[in-house]
Amino acid sequence: MDKARETQVHSTAVVARGAILEEGVTVDAYAIIGPEVRIGRGTRIGAHAVVEGRTTLGCGNRIFHHASVGTEPQDQKYHGEESSLVIGDGNIVREFATIHTGTEQGGMVTRLGNRNLLMNFSHVAHDCRIGDGNVLANGAQVAGHAIIENYAVIGALSGIHQFVRIGESAFIGAGSMVSLDIPPYCNATGDRATLHGLNRVGLERRGFSAEVIGEIRRAYRILFQSRLPLEEALAQALAEAGPCPEVQSFLAFIRRSERGVCRPRRGRTGEE
């Protein structure tokens, strides 16, 4: 048999009866795998890592040593419900990062998509929904029920309040405390976080054209620099918006906000 396709479990690891390890899975020394865990092809579980609960890992993930994946939520309303954690493909979970299962109040499931990077000591709490391609830097903390869309960067030592939404390609500066929704494509920082214009660097790295970035900037200026009430600003931005799907997504995110949207600090333009 091709060695790359074999499942390899170190002699000191503990894999409970009932756990499912697909081909090419590697479990390193002293790791613990619970009985209701399913691990997809080519995933590697590092030394002393714990993967437990009703946890499903997709293919090609890396769980580094001492990470804790699928443990019970830190929620006093949780009383042992059969909640779960579902993780997609190609994610990297670094040392001492923690990800918890869901609760009854949040739909019973925590979800991570594909190709996310969770750095050392980062935390994803119960019932969060994390999309694709996000980065949680060292010590970033995401509270329960939060939503992070795709390609966002959460800076080191930042805190995301429960139920907050972080839009696509947003950038949260290091040490920020985020208590309101952050619109897509925006840069936010501070305690409490305020907007500082668009995440232009992130958009350029993703290959957004200058024309698309200009369309998003035009909508941003109407919303946050016109000094119109938000409903009027939204109506004007919608009236002036073309068919650009990124602008439509930007405006739709703001319309759907329930917690309220983060804005520039009073007296500042929000673009730096």
Protein backbone atom coordinates (compact mmCIF):
# COMPACT_ATOMS: atom_id res chain seq x y z
CA MET A 1 0.00 0.00 0.00
CA ASP A 2 1.13 3.56 -0.74
CA LYS A 3 2.50 4.95 2.55
CA ALA A 4 0.87 8.32 1.85
CA ARG A 5 -2.54 6.62 1.84
CA GLU A 6 -2.08 4.69 5.07
CA THR A 7 -3.66 5.77 8.33
CA GLN A 8 -0.90 6.14 10.91
CA VAL A 9 -1.65 6.27 14.65
CA HIS A 10 1.19 6.65 17.12
CA SER A 11 1.37 3.91 19.73
CA THR A 12 0.79 6.42 22.55
CA ALA A 13 -2.25 8.09 20.97
CA VAL A 14 -5.74 7.19 22.21
CA VAL A 15 -8.36 6.67 19.51
CA ALA A 16 -11.71 5.70 20.99
CA ARG A 17 -13.76 2.88 19.57
CA GLY A 18 -16.31 4.37 17.19
CA ALA A 19 -14.06 7.10 15.82
CA ILE A 20 -13.72 7.07 12.03
CA LEU A 21 -10.33 7.83 10.49
CA GLU A 22 -10.26 7.91 6.71
CA GLU A 23 -7.23 6.98 4.61
CA GLY A 24 -4.05 8.97 5.03
CA VAL A 25 -4.92 10.31 8.49
CA THR A 26 -1.99 10.74 10.89
CA VAL A 27 -2.44 10.87 14.66
CA ASP A 28 0.71 11.88 16.54
CA ALA A 29 1.92 10.98 20.02
CA TYR A 30 -0.44 11.33 22.99
CA ALA A 31 -3.27 12.78 20.92
CA ILE A 32 -6.81 11.86 22.00
CA ILE A 33 -9.63 11.18 19.53
CA GLY A 34 -13.16 10.78 20.90
CA PRO A 35 -15.68 8.09 19.94
CA GLU A 36 -17.94 10.31 17.84
CA VAL A 37 -15.22 11.97 15.80
CA ARG A 38 -14.85 11.58 12.04
CA ILE A 39 -11.58 12.67 10.44
CA GLY A 40 -11.28 13.10 6.68
CA ARG A 41 -8.53 11.96 4.32
CA GLY A 42 -5.04 13.32 4.76
CA THR A 43 -5.71 15.16 8.00
CA ARG A 44 -2.97 15.26 10.63
CA ILE A 45 -3.63 15.49 14.36
CA GLY A 46 -0.62 16.78 16.31
CA ALA A 47 0.88 15.55 19.56
CA HIS A 48 -1.25 16.05 22.68
CA ALA A 49 -4.12 17.50 20.63
CA VAL A 50 -7.67 16.61 21.69
CA VAL A 51 -10.47 16.10 19.17
CA GLU A 52 -13.70 15.07 20.82
CA GLY A 53 -17.47 15.57 20.82
CA ARG A 54 -19.59 15.11 17.71
CA THR A 55 -16.90 16.52 15.48
CA THR A 56 -16.46 16.06 11.74
CA LEU A 57 -13.21 17.13 10.10
CA GLY A 58 -12.91 17.28 6.33
CA CYS A 59 -9.85 16.47 4.24
CA GLY A 60 -6.33 17.80 4.51
CA ASN A 61 -6.63 19.63 7.82
CA ARG A 62 -3.71 20.21 10.23
CA ILE A 63 -4.47 20.23 13.94
CA PHE A 64 -1.27 21.20 15.74
CA HIS A 65 -0.11 20.00 19.14
CA HIS A 66 -2.13 20.91 22.22
CA ALA A 67 -5.08 22.25 20.22
CA SER A 68 -8.55 21.44 21.60
CA VAL A 69 -11.23 20.78 19.00
CA GLY A 70 -14.87 19.83 19.61
CA THR A 71 -15.05 20.29 23.36
CA GLU A 72 -18.20 21.37 25.18
CA PRO A 73 -19.18 25.03 24.94
CA GLN A 74 -18.39 27.48 27.73
CA ASP A 75 -22.06 28.38 28.08
CA GLN A 76 -24.01 27.99 31.31
CA LYS A 77 -27.16 27.28 29.30
CA TYR A 78 -25.55 24.15 27.86
CA HIS A 79 -26.72 20.95 29.58
CA GLY A 80 -25.21 18.18 27.48
CA GLU A 81 -27.29 18.51 24.32
CA GLU A 82 -26.05 16.48 21.35
CA SER A 83 -24.53 19.44 19.56
CA SER A 84 -21.76 19.23 17.00
CA LEU A 85 -18.81 20.83 15.25
CA VAL A 86 -18.35 20.63 11.48
CA ILE A 87 -15.04 21.65 9.90
CA GLY A 88 -14.34 21.67 6.16
CA ASP A 89 -11.12 21.03 4.24
CA GLY A 90 -7.61 22.42 4.37
CA ASN A 91 -7.84 24.27 7.67
CA ILE A 92 -4.86 24.89 9.95
CA VAL A 93 -5.47 24.97 13.71
CA ARG A 94 -2.32 25.97 15.54
CA GLU A 95 -1.05 25.31 19.06
CA PHE A 96 -3.49 25.80 21.96
CA ALA A 97 -6.31 27.03 19.72
CA THR A 98 -9.81 25.99 20.87
CA ILE A 99 -13.04 25.35 18.96
CA HIS A 100 -16.28 24.40 20.71
CA THR A 101 -19.45 22.61 19.66
CA GLY A 102 -22.85 24.33 19.39
CA THR A 103 -25.79 24.82 21.72
CA GLU A 104 -29.53 24.44 21.47
CA GLN A 105 -29.95 28.23 21.35
CA GLY A 106 -27.67 28.48 18.33
CA GLY A 107 -28.88 25.64 16.15
CA MET A 108 -26.72 22.92 17.75
CA VAL A 109 -23.74 23.30 15.45
CA THR A 110 -20.53 25.31 15.10
CA ARG A 111 -19.21 25.49 11.53
CA LEU A 112 -15.87 26.27 9.93
CA GLY A 113 -15.47 26.27 6.18
CA ASN A 114 -12.30 25.66 4.19
CA ARG A 115 -8.71 26.91 4.29
CA ASN A 116 -8.97 28.92 7.49
CA LEU A 117 -5.93 29.62 9.66
CA LEU A 118 -6.45 29.73 13.43
CA MET A 119 -3.18 30.83 15.03
CA ASN A 120 -1.89 30.09 18.54
CA PHE A 121 -4.36 30.59 21.41
CA SER A 122 -7.21 31.73 19.15
CA HIS A 123 -10.73 30.69 20.13
CA VAL A 124 -13.95 29.97 18.23
CA ALA A 125 -16.90 29.66 20.58
CA HIS A 126 -20.18 27.78 20.32
CA ASP A 127 -22.53 28.28 17.35
CA CYS A 128 -20.11 30.43 15.35
CA ARG A 129 -20.14 30.28 11.59
CA ILE A 130 -16.75 30.82 9.99
CA GLY A 131 -16.57 30.86 6.19
CA ASP A 132 -13.56 30.24 3.95
CA GLY A 133 -10.05 31.66 3.86
CA ASN A 134 -10.17 33.58 7.13
CA VAL A 135 -7.20 34.27 9.43
CA LEU A 136 -7.55 34.48 13.21
CA ALA A 137 -4.21 35.75 14.46
CA ASN A 138 -2.58 34.85 17.77
CA GLY A 139 -4.97 35.19 20.69
CA ALA A 140 -7.99 36.33 18.64
CA GLN A 141 -11.19 35.47 20.51
CA VAL A 142 -14.53 34.94 18.76
CA ALA A 143 -17.54 34.75 21.09
CA GLY A 144 -20.65 32.62 20.62
CA HIS A 145 -23.01 32.97 17.64
CA ALA A 146 -20.61 35.26 15.75
CA ILE A 147 -20.41 35.07 11.96
CA ILE A 148 -17.23 35.63 9.97
CA GLU A 149 -17.83 35.48 6.23
CA ASN A 150 -14.88 34.85 3.88
CA TYR A 151 -11.28 36.12 3.64
CA ALA A 152 -11.42 38.26 6.77
CA VAL A 153 -8.38 38.87 8.97
CA ILE A 154 -8.89 39.12 12.73
CA GLY A 155 -5.81 40.72 14.27
CA ALA A 156 -3.92 39.39 17.26
CA LEU A 157 -5.57 39.74 20.68
CA SER A 158 -8.82 41.02 19.19
CA GLY A 159 -12.18 40.21 20.75
CA ILE A 160 -15.36 39.64 18.71
CA HIS A 161 -18.57 40.09 20.73
CA GLN A 162 -21.26 37.42 20.56
CA PHE A 163 -23.71 37.70 17.63
CA VAL A 164 -21.42 40.11 15.75
CA ARG A 165 -20.98 39.65 12.00
CA ILE A 166 -17.68 40.26 10.22
CA GLY A 167 -18.12 40.83 6.50
CA GLU A 168 -16.13 39.43 3.61
CA SER A 169 -12.53 40.66 3.31
CA ALA A 170 -12.79 42.83 6.42
CA PHE A 171 -9.64 43.56 8.41
CA ILE A 172 -9.73 43.89 12.20
CA GLY A 173 -6.65 45.57 13.65
CA ALA A 174 -4.70 43.95 16.48
CA GLY A 175 -6.11 44.44 19.96
CA SER A 176 -9.53 45.62 18.75
CA MET A 177 -12.75 45.05 20.68
CA VAL A 178 -15.56 44.58 18.17
CA SER A 179 -19.12 44.99 19.45
CA LEU A 180 -20.92 45.97 16.21
CA ASP A 181 -21.09 44.41 12.75
CA ILE A 182 -18.13 45.16 10.47
CA PRO A 183 -19.22 45.67 6.84
CA PRO A 184 -17.48 43.73 4.06
CA TYR A 185 -14.23 45.11 2.64
CA CYS A 186 -13.68 47.50 5.56
CA ASN A 187 -10.82 48.14 7.97
CA ALA A 188 -11.76 48.50 11.65
CA THR A 189 -9.68 48.97 14.76
CA GLY A 190 -9.80 50.26 18.32
CA ASP A 191 -11.73 49.82 21.55
CA ARG A 192 -14.57 49.95 20.73
CA ALA A 193 -13.67 49.39 17.09
CA THR A 194 -14.42 52.11 14.54
CA LEU A 195 -14.07 52.06 10.76
CA HIS A 196 -10.91 53.34 9.12
CA GLY A 197 -11.84 53.10 5.46
CA LEU A 198 -11.61 50.14 3.14
CA ASN A 199 -9.27 47.19 3.46
CA ARG A 200 -7.64 48.16 0.18
CA VAL A 201 -4.56 46.00 0.67
CA GLY A 202 -6.69 42.93 1.27
CA LEU A 203 -8.87 43.65 -1.75
CA GLU A 204 -5.87 44.12 -4.01
CA ARG A 205 -4.32 40.89 -2.76
CA ARG A 206 -7.54 39.08 -3.63
CA GLY A 207 -7.34 40.48 -7.16
CA PHE A 208 -10.14 43.04 -6.99
CA SER A 209 -9.80 45.45 -9.90
CA ALA A 210 -9.29 49.19 -9.40
CA GLU A 211 -12.74 49.69 -10.93
CA VAL A 212 -14.46 47.41 -8.40
CA ILE A 213 -12.57 48.96 -5.48
CA GLY A 214 -13.65 52.38 -6.76
CA GLU A 215 -17.31 51.29 -6.84
CA ILE A 216 -17.08 50.00 -3.27
CA ARG A 217 -15.37 53.22 -2.16
CA ARG A 218 -18.15 55.29 -3.72
CA ALA A 219 -20.78 53.38 -1.75
CA TYR A 220 -18.68 53.64 1.42
CA ARG A 221 -18.47 57.43 1.07
CA ILE A 222 -22.22 57.79 0.65
CA LEU A 223 -22.89 55.64 3.69
CA PHE A 224 -20.27 56.98 6.07
CA GLN A 225 -19.20 60.43 4.82
CA SER A 226 -22.42 62.01 3.54
CA ARG A 227 -23.75 62.54 7.10
CA LEU A 228 -27.15 61.32 5.90
CA PRO A 229 -29.23 59.12 8.22
CA LEU A 230 -28.38 55.51 7.48
CA GLU A 231 -31.69 54.68 5.76
CA GLU A 232 -31.36 57.69 3.46
CA ALA A 233 -27.72 56.91 2.77
CA LEU A 234 -28.60 53.32 1.91
CA ALA A 235 -31.34 54.48 -0.45
CA GLN A 236 -28.96 56.86 -2.20
CA ALA A 237 -26.19 54.26 -2.43
CA LEU A 238 -28.65 51.73 -3.89
CA ALA A 239 -29.92 54.29 -6.39
CA GLU A 240 -26.39 55.09 -7.55
CA ALA A 241 -25.02 51.55 -7.43
CA GLY A 242 -24.50 49.74 -10.68
CA PRO A 243 -24.69 45.97 -11.17
CA CYS A 244 -21.39 45.43 -9.33
CA PRO A 245 -22.05 42.32 -7.17
CA GLU A 246 -19.49 43.38 -4.57
CA VAL A 247 -21.32 46.65 -3.96
CA GLN A 248 -24.65 44.86 -3.81
CA SER A 249 -23.20 42.47 -1.21
CA PHE A 250 -21.79 45.41 0.77
CA LEU A 251 -25.15 47.17 0.91
CA ALA A 252 -27.12 44.00 1.62
CA PHE A 253 -24.87 43.24 4.61
CA ILE A 254 -25.62 46.65 6.10
CA ARG A 255 -29.38 46.35 5.49
CA ARG A 256 -29.44 43.00 7.32
CA SER A 257 -27.54 44.20 10.38
CA GLU A 258 -29.36 43.55 13.65
CA ARG A 259 -26.71 44.71 16.13
CA GLY A 260 -25.92 47.88 14.22
CA VAL A 261 -23.00 48.65 11.95
CA CYS A 262 -19.60 49.90 13.04
CA ARG A 263 -18.93 53.43 11.74
CA PRO A 264 -16.03 55.90 11.62
CA ARG A 265 -15.29 57.82 14.79
CA ARG A 266 -17.37 60.99 15.03
CA GLY A 267 -15.67 63.92 13.33
CA ARG A 268 -13.47 61.70 11.15
CA THR A 269 -13.94 60.69 7.53
CA GLY A 270 -13.17 57.02 8.11
CA GLU A 271 -10.63 56.88 5.27
CA GLU A 272 -6.95 56.94 6.10
